[in-house]
C-alpha atoms as a PDB file:
ATOM      1  CA  MET A   1      55.740 -41.398 -80.119  1.00  0.00           C
ATOM      2  CA  ARG A   2      56.550 -37.847 -81.871  1.00  0.00           C
ATOM      3  CA  ILE A   3      56.115 -34.716 -79.761  1.00  0.00           C
ATOM      4  CA  ARG A   4      57.435 -31.573 -81.384  1.00  0.00           C
ATOM      5  CA  THR A   5      58.263 -29.214 -78.141  1.00  0.00           C
ATOM      6  CA  GLY A   6      59.476 -25.912 -77.851  1.00  0.00           C
ATOM      7  CA  LEU A   7      60.906 -24.351 -74.908  1.00  0.00           C
ATOM      8  CA  CYS A   8      61.322 -26.542 -71.494  1.00  0.00           C
ATOM      9  CA  VAL A   9      58.392 -26.138 -69.671  1.00  0.00           C
ATOM     10  CA  THR A  10      56.799 -27.000 -66.234  1.00  0.00           C
ATOM     11  CA  ALA A  11      53.029 -27.204 -65.920  1.00  0.00           C
ATOM     12  CA  ALA A  12      51.348 -26.510 -63.149  1.00  0.00           C
ATOM     13  CA  LEU A  13      47.076 -27.143 -62.159  1.00  0.00           C
ATOM     14  CA  ILE A  14      45.112 -25.431 -59.539  1.00  0.00           C
ATOM     15  CA  GLY A  15      41.953 -25.855 -60.815  1.00  0.00           C
ATOM     16  CA  LEU A  16      40.153 -26.814 -63.396  1.00  0.00           C
ATOM     17  CA  ALA A  17      37.018 -27.201 -66.137  1.00  0.00           C
ATOM     18  CA  GLY A  18      36.456 -25.237 -69.557  1.00  0.00           C
ATOM     19  CA  THR A  19      34.262 -22.169 -70.566  1.00  0.00           C
ATOM     20  CA  GLY A  20      33.902 -22.912 -73.799  1.00  0.00           C
ATOM     21  CA  THR A  21      35.711 -19.915 -74.400  1.00  0.00           C
ATOM     22  CA  THR A  22      37.820 -19.318 -77.142  1.00  0.00           C
ATOM     23  CA  ALA A  23      41.210 -18.547 -77.362  1.00  0.00           C
ATOM     24  CA  HIS A  24      40.380 -14.846 -78.101  1.00  0.00           C
ATOM     25  CA  SER A  25      40.652 -15.003 -74.690  1.00  0.00           C
ATOM     26  CA  ALA A  26      43.572 -16.131 -74.183  1.00  0.00           C
ATOM     27  CA  GLU A  27      44.649 -13.006 -76.506  1.00  0.00           C
ATOM     28  CA  THR A  28      43.685 -10.286 -74.039  1.00  0.00           C
ATOM     29  CA  VAL A  29      44.485 -11.273 -70.598  1.00  0.00           C
ATOM     30  CA  ALA A  30      47.206  -9.380 -69.130  1.00  0.00           C
ATOM     31  CA  ALA A  31      50.536 -11.369 -68.408  1.00  0.00           C
ATOM     32  CA  ALA A  32      54.025 -10.582 -68.245  1.00  0.00           C
ATOM     33  CA  CYS A  33      54.815 -12.447 -71.295  1.00  0.00           C
ATOM     34  CA  LYS A  34      53.456 -14.344 -74.874  1.00  0.00           C
ATOM     35  CA  LYS A  35      54.423 -15.907 -77.824  1.00  0.00           C
ATOM     36  CA  LYS A  36      52.021 -16.004 -81.159  1.00  0.00           C
ATOM     37  CA  VAL A  37      51.421 -20.046 -81.753  1.00  0.00           C
ATOM     38  CA  VAL A  38      49.848 -20.651 -85.342  1.00  0.00           C
ATOM     39  CA  ALA A  39      48.918 -24.479 -85.763  1.00  0.00           C
ATOM     40  CA  PHE A  40      46.211 -25.110 -87.958  1.00  0.00           C
ATOM     41  CA  ASN A  41      46.365 -21.932 -89.557  1.00  0.00           C
ATOM     42  CA  HIS A  42      44.470 -21.258 -85.690  1.00  0.00           C
ATOM     43  CA  THR A  43      46.545 -17.838 -84.274  1.00  0.00           C
ATOM     44  CA  GLY A  44      46.667 -18.224 -80.045  1.00  0.00           C
ATOM     45  CA  TYR A  45      49.180 -17.035 -77.892  1.00  0.00           C
ATOM     46  CA  LYS A  46      51.171 -19.317 -74.529  1.00  0.00           C
ATOM     47  CA  LYS A  47      52.898 -18.046 -71.421  1.00  0.00           C
ATOM     48  CA  CYS A  48      56.853 -17.413 -72.234  1.00  0.00           C
ATOM     49  CA  ASN A  49      59.541 -19.833 -71.337  1.00  0.00           C
ATOM     50  CA  THR A  50      56.359 -22.645 -71.936  1.00  0.00           C
ATOM     51  CA  THR A  51      56.392 -25.623 -74.408  1.00  0.00           C
ATOM     52  CA  ALA A  52      53.581 -26.303 -77.145  1.00  0.00           C
ATOM     53  CA  SER A  53      53.174 -30.098 -77.451  1.00  0.00           C
ATOM     54  CA  TRP A  54      52.568 -30.942 -80.889  1.00  0.00           C
ATOM     55  CA  VAL A  55      51.135 -33.979 -80.534  1.00  0.00           C
ATOM     56  CA  ASP A  56      50.330 -36.899 -83.263  1.00  0.00           C
ATOM     57  CA  TRP A  57      48.382 -39.479 -81.478  1.00  0.00           C
ATOM     58  CA  ASN A  58      47.848 -41.765 -84.023  1.00  0.00           C
ATOM     59  CA  VAL A  59      51.649 -41.612 -84.938  1.00  0.00           C
ATOM     60  CA  ASP A  60      51.242 -41.648 -89.064  1.00  0.00           C
ATOM     61  CA  GLY A  61      53.827 -38.276 -88.883  1.00  0.00           C
ATOM     62  CA  LYS A  62      51.483 -35.722 -88.777  1.00  0.00           C
ATOM     63  CA  THR A  63      50.600 -33.266 -85.947  1.00  0.00           C
ATOM     64  CA  ASP A  64      47.089 -33.793 -84.507  1.00  0.00           C
ATOM     65  CA  GLU A  65      46.228 -32.018 -81.810  1.00  0.00           C
ATOM     66  CA  VAL A  66      47.859 -28.345 -80.338  1.00  0.00           C
ATOM     67  CA  PHE A  67      48.459 -28.016 -76.449  1.00  0.00           C
ATOM     68  CA  VAL A  68      49.137 -24.444 -74.833  1.00  0.00           C
ATOM     69  CA  VAL A  69      49.238 -23.019 -71.367  1.00  0.00           C
ATOM     70  CA  ALA A  70      48.157 -19.120 -72.009  1.00  0.00           C
ATOM     71  CA  PRO A  71      50.154 -16.193 -70.060  1.00  0.00           C
ATOM     72  CA  ASN A  72      46.801 -16.486 -67.762  1.00  0.00           C
ATOM     73  CA  ARG A  73      47.610 -20.002 -66.881  1.00  0.00           C
ATOM     74  CA  THR A  74      44.358 -21.819 -68.792  1.00  0.00           C
ATOM     75  CA  ILE A  75      45.306 -24.267 -71.095  1.00  0.00           C
ATOM     76  CA  TRP A  76      44.411 -24.422 -74.298  1.00  0.00           C
ATOM     77  CA  HIS A  77      44.286 -26.734 -77.417  1.00  0.00           C
ATOM     78  CA  THR A  78      43.283 -26.353 -81.049  1.00  0.00           C
ATOM     79  CA  TRP A  79      43.313 -29.475 -83.707  1.00  0.00           C
ATOM     80  CA  LYS A  80      42.798 -29.155 -87.587  1.00  0.00           C
ATOM     81  CA  ALA A  81      38.793 -29.134 -88.054  1.00  0.00           C
ATOM     82  CA  ALA A  82      38.422 -27.297 -84.266  1.00  0.00           C
ATOM     83  CA  SER A  83      37.249 -23.403 -85.731  1.00  0.00           C
ATOM     84  CA  GLY A  84      40.183 -22.469 -82.998  1.00  0.00           C
ATOM     85  CA  TRP A  85      41.738 -22.298 -80.018  1.00  0.00           C
ATOM     86  CA  GLN A  86      39.481 -24.372 -77.190  1.00  0.00           C
ATOM     87  CA  GLU A  87      40.160 -24.442 -73.239  1.00  0.00           C
ATOM     88  CA  LEU A  88      40.009 -27.775 -71.698  1.00  0.00           C
ATOM     89  CA  PRO A  89      37.400 -28.364 -69.758  1.00  0.00           C
ATOM     90  CA  GLY A  90      38.315 -28.558 -66.082  1.00  0.00           C
ATOM     91  CA  LYS A  91      38.673 -25.263 -65.051  1.00  0.00           C
ATOM     92  CA  GLY A  92      42.718 -26.014 -65.431  1.00  0.00           C
ATOM     93  CA  ARG A  93      45.768 -23.909 -65.010  1.00  0.00           C
ATOM     94  CA  ALA A  94      49.483 -24.862 -65.623  1.00  0.00           C
ATOM     95  CA  ASP A  95      52.397 -23.214 -65.273  1.00  0.00           C
ATOM     96  CA  ASP A  96      54.140 -25.533 -68.054  1.00  0.00           C
ATOM     97  CA  MET A  97      52.990 -28.900 -70.916  1.00  0.00           C
ATOM     98  CA  LEU A  98      54.507 -32.076 -69.835  1.00  0.00           C
ATOM     99  CA  GLY A  99      52.881 -33.413 -73.132  1.00  0.00           C
ATOM    100  CA  PRO A 100      51.118 -36.606 -73.938  1.00  0.00           C
ATOM    101  CA  GLY A 101      50.231 -40.051 -72.244  1.00  0.00           C
ATOM    102  CA  GLN A 102      50.576 -42.942 -74.597  1.00  0.00           C
ATOM    103  CA  VAL A 103      50.206 -42.491 -78.440  1.00  0.00           C
ATOM    104  CA  GLY A 104      49.470 -44.591 -80.993  1.00  0.00           C
ATOM    105  CA  ALA A 105      47.424 -47.121 -82.475  1.00  0.00           C
ATOM    106  CA  GLY A 106      45.107 -49.339 -79.976  1.00  0.00           C
ATOM    107  CA  ILE A 107      45.394 -46.680 -77.148  1.00  0.00           C
ATOM    108  CA  ARG A 108      41.884 -45.754 -76.605  1.00  0.00           C
ATOM    109  CA  SER A 109      42.304 -42.265 -74.523  1.00  0.00           C
ATOM    110  CA  ARG A 110      44.448 -39.461 -75.576  1.00  0.00           C
ATOM    111  CA  CYS A 111      45.291 -38.155 -72.706  1.00  0.00           C
ATOM    112  CA  ILE A 112      47.693 -34.495 -71.318  1.00  0.00           C
ATOM    113  CA  ILE A 113      49.945 -34.466 -69.130  1.00  0.00           C
ATOM    114  CA  VAL A 114      50.848 -31.338 -67.430  1.00  0.00           C
ATOM    115  CA  LEU A 115      53.334 -30.018 -64.446  1.00  0.00           C
ATOM    116  CA  VAL A 116      51.423 -27.668 -61.327  1.00  0.00           C
ATOM    117  CA  THR A 117      54.873 -26.828 -59.632  1.00  0.00           C
ATOM    118  CA  LYS A 118      53.304 -25.592 -56.084  1.00  0.00           C
ATOM    119  CA  MET A 119      51.663 -28.407 -55.495  1.00  0.00           C
ATOM    120  CA  SER A 120      52.513 -31.397 -53.505  1.00  0.00           C
ATOM    121  CA  TYR A 121      51.992 -34.110 -56.269  1.00  0.00           C
ATOM    122  CA  PRO A 122      53.509 -32.279 -59.441  1.00  0.00           C
ATOM    123  CA  TYR A 123      52.005 -34.417 -62.570  1.00  0.00           C
ATOM    124  CA  TRP A 124      48.311 -33.976 -63.655  1.00  0.00           C
ATOM    125  CA  GLN A 125      46.795 -34.821 -66.533  1.00  0.00           C
ATOM    126  CA  ASN A 126      43.358 -34.591 -68.374  1.00  0.00           C
ATOM    127  CA  CYS A 127      42.233 -37.301 -70.682  1.00  0.00           C
ATOM    128  CA  PHE A 128      39.678 -37.474 -73.681  1.00  0.00           C
ATOM    129  CA  TYR A 129      37.528 -40.599 -74.424  1.00  0.00           C
ATOM    130  CA  ASN A 130      34.197 -42.156 -74.920  1.00  0.00           C
ATOM    131  CA  GLY A 131      34.029 -38.557 -77.068  1.00  0.00           C
ATOM    132  CA  LYS A 132      35.300 -35.410 -74.168  1.00  0.00           C
ATOM    133  CA  TRP A 133      37.086 -34.350 -72.075  1.00  0.00           C
ATOM    134  CA  HIS A 134      37.104 -35.118 -68.231  1.00  0.00           C
ATOM    135  CA  ASN A 135      38.471 -34.311 -64.977  1.00  0.00           C
ATOM    136  CA  TRP A 136      42.023 -33.184 -64.276  1.00  0.00           C
ATOM    137  CA  THR A 137      42.954 -36.492 -62.179  1.00  0.00           C
ATOM    138  CA  GLN A 138      46.724 -37.896 -61.230  1.00  0.00           C
ATOM    139  CA  PRO A 139      48.515 -39.894 -63.918  1.00  0.00           C
ATOM    140  CA  GLY A 140      49.055 -43.339 -62.263  1.00  0.00           C
END
């Protein structure tokens, strides 16, 4: 498994579902602090003191997808063929990224895990399979 991360982070989901907006939305959100993240020539912003997850899903030594928590706690991602940063479906809210679930050849779903600090069960995931992202669930 190969993950590149920035600062240590904690992600929190409160309500989850995509809006279809692009990364420019994260840029305009009022926030105490934001840090610029450039991936695949797309510029977006992450919440300060959070980790950007640079994921190598197929373990070939190259980043396939990047995930961040925006200053407004929404969860965004981008990849090489994307037109820009996109908000993950499910209206997810997080305080930080934990990173991917399993990676490697033969993995049928790609899951990203976040931490929600003010919930009784702090870990949540959203998985991509059958051509789409699904609802936020507890990993297990």
